[in-house]
């Protein structure tokens, strides 16, 4: 059941260095949350990746709005009124939430390394549920939740064999407990 929460569950707020370069938006345009996993070993490495400039012209990088560590600590890297780069084609209308999880790291596109086996710890999931409830309270039009893998189905050549194709994005992956999250959240699964 959804329980209203007025207090923000965010523990730390170290904004990205290029935050002022991210496009502005009206938070009332947000209707979707996209759940990701970092596919990196830890929060520090995720931050290093998030700070990398990879979009010429805008001088910004790829990142979500919120990062939840395995311990449940939540960091806000981009405020809701900024468009973060986390899901092609959905950024303007969505919030990106990244869960620290190894995923397919260190070789995301190797054909023999496509199984994601790291479970999501209880503190991380509990804080995700709290964050989703808080976001729903803050954003009246927020209605949907999806996994990155639901929205980006592109296949690319495998890094070890270009004649094989693998999914570019597989997160949050098979270990993510969708039934638990949906039962505890006021949001509906996008596309269902």
Protein backbone atom coordinates (compact mmCIF):
# COMPACT_ATOMS: atom_id res chain seq x y z
CA UNK A 1 0.00 0.00 0.00
CA UNK A 2 1.07 3.54 -0.72
CA UNK A 3 1.85 5.61 2.34
CA UNK A 4 2.25 9.36 1.90
CA UNK A 5 5.63 10.74 2.84
CA UNK A 6 6.21 14.49 3.00
CA UNK A 7 9.88 14.34 4.03
CA UNK A 8 12.38 13.69 1.26
CA UNK A 9 14.16 10.34 1.63
CA UNK A 10 17.30 11.73 -0.02
CA UNK A 11 20.36 11.50 2.27
CA UNK A 12 22.99 13.38 0.30
CA UNK A 13 22.78 15.87 -2.55
CA UNK A 14 26.08 16.18 -4.46
CA UNK A 15 24.88 17.65 -7.79
CA UNK A 16 26.73 16.84 -10.99
CA UNK A 17 29.36 19.38 -11.98
CA UNK A 18 27.56 20.09 -15.27
CA UNK A 19 24.08 20.40 -13.73
CA UNK A 20 23.64 23.96 -15.04
CA UNK A 21 24.04 22.65 -18.61
CA UNK A 22 21.19 20.12 -18.38
CA UNK A 23 17.98 21.25 -20.07
CA UNK A 24 15.33 22.79 -17.82
CA UNK A 25 11.85 21.30 -17.64
CA UNK A 26 8.60 21.76 -15.77
CA UNK A 27 8.27 18.93 -13.21
CA UNK A 28 4.57 18.74 -14.10
CA UNK A 29 5.69 17.16 -17.40
CA UNK A 30 7.08 14.12 -15.55
CA UNK A 31 4.88 11.02 -15.71
CA UNK A 32 7.42 8.17 -15.72
CA UNK A 33 10.17 6.73 -13.52
CA UNK A 34 12.80 4.55 -15.19
CA UNK A 35 14.61 2.06 -12.95
CA UNK A 36 18.22 1.30 -13.87
CA UNK A 37 21.13 -0.51 -12.35
CA UNK A 38 24.54 1.08 -12.62
CA UNK A 39 26.26 -2.07 -13.92
CA UNK A 40 29.29 -0.84 -12.00
CA UNK A 41 30.95 -2.13 -8.82
CA UNK A 42 30.17 0.76 -6.48
CA UNK A 43 28.72 4.26 -6.07
CA UNK A 44 32.12 5.97 -6.43
CA UNK A 45 32.71 4.36 -9.84
CA UNK A 46 29.17 5.28 -10.87
CA UNK A 47 29.88 8.90 -9.95
CA UNK A 48 33.06 8.87 -12.06
CA UNK A 49 31.02 7.61 -15.04
CA UNK A 50 28.28 10.15 -14.37
CA UNK A 51 30.74 13.05 -14.43
CA UNK A 52 32.20 12.06 -17.81
CA UNK A 53 31.32 14.47 -20.59
CA UNK A 54 30.06 12.46 -23.54
CA UNK A 55 27.54 14.74 -25.29
CA UNK A 56 29.35 17.20 -27.55
CA UNK A 57 27.66 20.55 -27.75
CA UNK A 58 25.89 20.34 -24.40
CA UNK A 59 29.05 19.24 -22.54
CA UNK A 60 27.00 16.88 -20.37
CA UNK A 61 27.14 13.18 -19.58
CA UNK A 62 24.90 10.20 -18.89
CA UNK A 63 23.33 9.93 -15.46
CA UNK A 64 20.13 9.49 -13.53
CA UNK A 65 18.48 11.83 -11.06
CA UNK A 66 18.81 9.56 -8.03
CA UNK A 67 21.34 6.89 -7.09
CA UNK A 68 20.61 4.34 -4.38
CA UNK A 69 23.58 2.52 -2.89
CA UNK A 70 23.39 -1.06 -1.61
CA UNK A 71 23.19 0.35 1.95
CA UNK A 72 20.09 2.38 1.06
CA UNK A 73 21.84 5.77 0.90
CA UNK A 74 20.17 7.96 -1.74
CA UNK A 75 22.02 10.68 -3.62
CA UNK A 76 20.36 13.23 -5.89
CA UNK A 77 22.66 14.04 -8.81
CA UNK A 78 20.17 16.08 -10.85
CA UNK A 79 17.10 17.96 -9.60
CA UNK A 80 13.68 17.11 -10.98
CA UNK A 81 13.50 20.34 -12.98
CA UNK A 82 16.47 19.22 -15.12
CA UNK A 83 16.46 16.62 -17.90
CA UNK A 84 19.07 13.94 -17.12
CA UNK A 85 20.41 11.64 -19.85
CA UNK A 86 19.45 8.11 -18.82
CA UNK A 87 16.99 6.60 -21.36
CA UNK A 88 16.99 7.53 -25.04
CA UNK A 89 13.64 8.92 -26.15
CA UNK A 90 12.19 9.22 -22.61
CA UNK A 91 14.43 11.71 -20.81
CA UNK A 92 12.16 14.77 -21.05
CA UNK A 93 9.24 13.01 -19.36
CA UNK A 94 11.04 10.78 -16.88
CA UNK A 95 13.07 10.47 -13.70
CA UNK A 96 16.07 8.12 -13.77
CA UNK A 97 16.72 6.08 -10.63
CA UNK A 98 19.98 4.11 -10.62
CA UNK A 99 20.49 1.20 -8.21
CA UNK A 100 24.11 0.31 -7.50
CA UNK A 101 24.49 -3.23 -8.86
CA UNK A 102 27.26 -4.95 -10.85
CA UNK A 103 24.92 -6.13 -13.59
CA UNK A 104 27.13 -7.34 -16.46
CA UNK A 105 30.19 -5.35 -15.34
CA UNK A 106 33.05 -5.24 -16.38
CA UNK A 107 32.28 -6.23 -20.01
CA UNK A 108 28.65 -5.30 -20.56
CA UNK A 109 28.49 -6.43 -24.17
CA UNK A 110 30.50 -9.67 -24.04
CA UNK A 111 28.23 -12.47 -25.27
CA UNK A 112 29.34 -14.82 -22.47
CA UNK A 113 28.68 -12.21 -19.77
CA UNK A 114 24.97 -11.44 -20.22
CA UNK A 115 23.65 -13.09 -17.05
CA UNK A 116 22.96 -10.66 -14.21
CA UNK A 117 23.04 -12.43 -10.85
CA UNK A 118 23.63 -9.86 -8.10
CA UNK A 119 20.50 -9.57 -5.92
CA UNK A 120 19.22 -6.20 -4.78
CA UNK A 121 19.67 -5.84 -0.99
CA UNK A 122 16.71 -5.11 1.31
CA UNK A 123 17.93 -1.63 2.41
CA UNK A 124 18.25 -0.59 -1.23
CA UNK A 125 14.76 -1.84 -2.12
CA UNK A 126 13.18 -0.31 0.98
CA UNK A 127 14.65 3.08 0.12
CA UNK A 128 13.54 2.72 -3.52
CA UNK A 129 9.96 2.15 -2.33
CA UNK A 130 10.19 5.21 -0.06
CA UNK A 131 11.61 7.33 -2.89
CA UNK A 132 8.85 6.25 -5.31
CA UNK A 133 6.17 7.14 -2.73
CA UNK A 134 7.76 10.53 -2.07
CA UNK A 135 8.09 11.29 -5.79
CA UNK A 136 4.44 10.36 -6.33
CA UNK A 137 3.46 12.79 -3.57
CA UNK A 138 5.57 15.57 -5.13
CA UNK A 139 4.53 15.08 -8.77
CA UNK A 140 0.76 14.85 -9.36
CA UNK A 141 1.14 13.52 -12.93
CA UNK A 142 3.63 10.78 -12.05
CA UNK A 143 1.90 7.55 -12.99
CA UNK A 144 4.27 5.05 -14.62
CA UNK A 145 7.38 3.03 -13.80
CA UNK A 146 9.50 0.98 -16.20
CA UNK A 147 12.84 -0.74 -16.38
CA UNK A 148 15.50 0.54 -18.75
CA UNK A 149 15.34 -2.83 -20.51
CA UNK A 150 11.62 -2.26 -21.20
CA UNK A 151 12.29 0.97 -23.09
CA UNK A 152 15.58 0.29 -24.88
CA UNK A 153 15.38 -3.02 -26.78
CA UNK A 154 18.21 -2.28 -29.22
CA UNK A 155 20.65 -5.08 -29.96
CA UNK A 156 24.28 -4.37 -30.77
CA UNK A 157 27.26 -6.49 -31.85
CA UNK A 158 28.84 -8.40 -28.97
CA UNK A 159 32.22 -7.04 -27.87
CA UNK A 160 33.86 -10.45 -28.27
CA UNK A 161 32.22 -11.49 -31.55
CA UNK A 162 30.67 -8.96 -33.93
CA UNK A 163 28.60 -11.68 -35.61
CA UNK A 164 26.60 -12.08 -32.37
CA UNK A 165 24.13 -9.54 -31.02
CA UNK A 166 23.35 -8.73 -27.40
CA UNK A 167 20.93 -6.29 -25.81
CA UNK A 168 22.47 -2.88 -25.28
CA UNK A 169 20.55 -2.46 -22.01
CA UNK A 170 19.36 -5.22 -19.68
CA UNK A 171 18.82 -3.29 -16.46
CA UNK A 172 17.51 -3.54 -13.86
CA UNK A 173 17.64 -7.20 -14.88
CA UNK A 174 16.17 -10.51 -13.75
CA UNK A 175 17.05 -10.11 -10.06
CA UNK A 176 14.92 -6.98 -9.72
CA UNK A 177 11.74 -7.82 -7.73
CA UNK A 178 9.09 -6.12 -9.86
CA UNK A 179 6.15 -7.74 -8.07
CA UNK A 180 7.34 -6.43 -4.69
CA UNK A 181 8.00 -2.91 -5.98
CA UNK A 182 4.69 -2.64 -7.82
CA UNK A 183 2.74 -3.96 -4.81
CA UNK A 184 4.32 -1.30 -2.58
CA UNK A 185 4.18 1.58 -5.06
CA UNK A 186 1.37 3.83 -6.30
CA UNK A 187 2.86 3.62 -9.82
CA UNK A 188 1.78 1.29 -12.62
CA UNK A 189 4.10 -0.65 -14.93
CA UNK A 190 4.47 1.31 -18.17
CA UNK A 191 2.96 -0.40 -21.19
CA UNK A 192 0.82 -2.85 -19.22
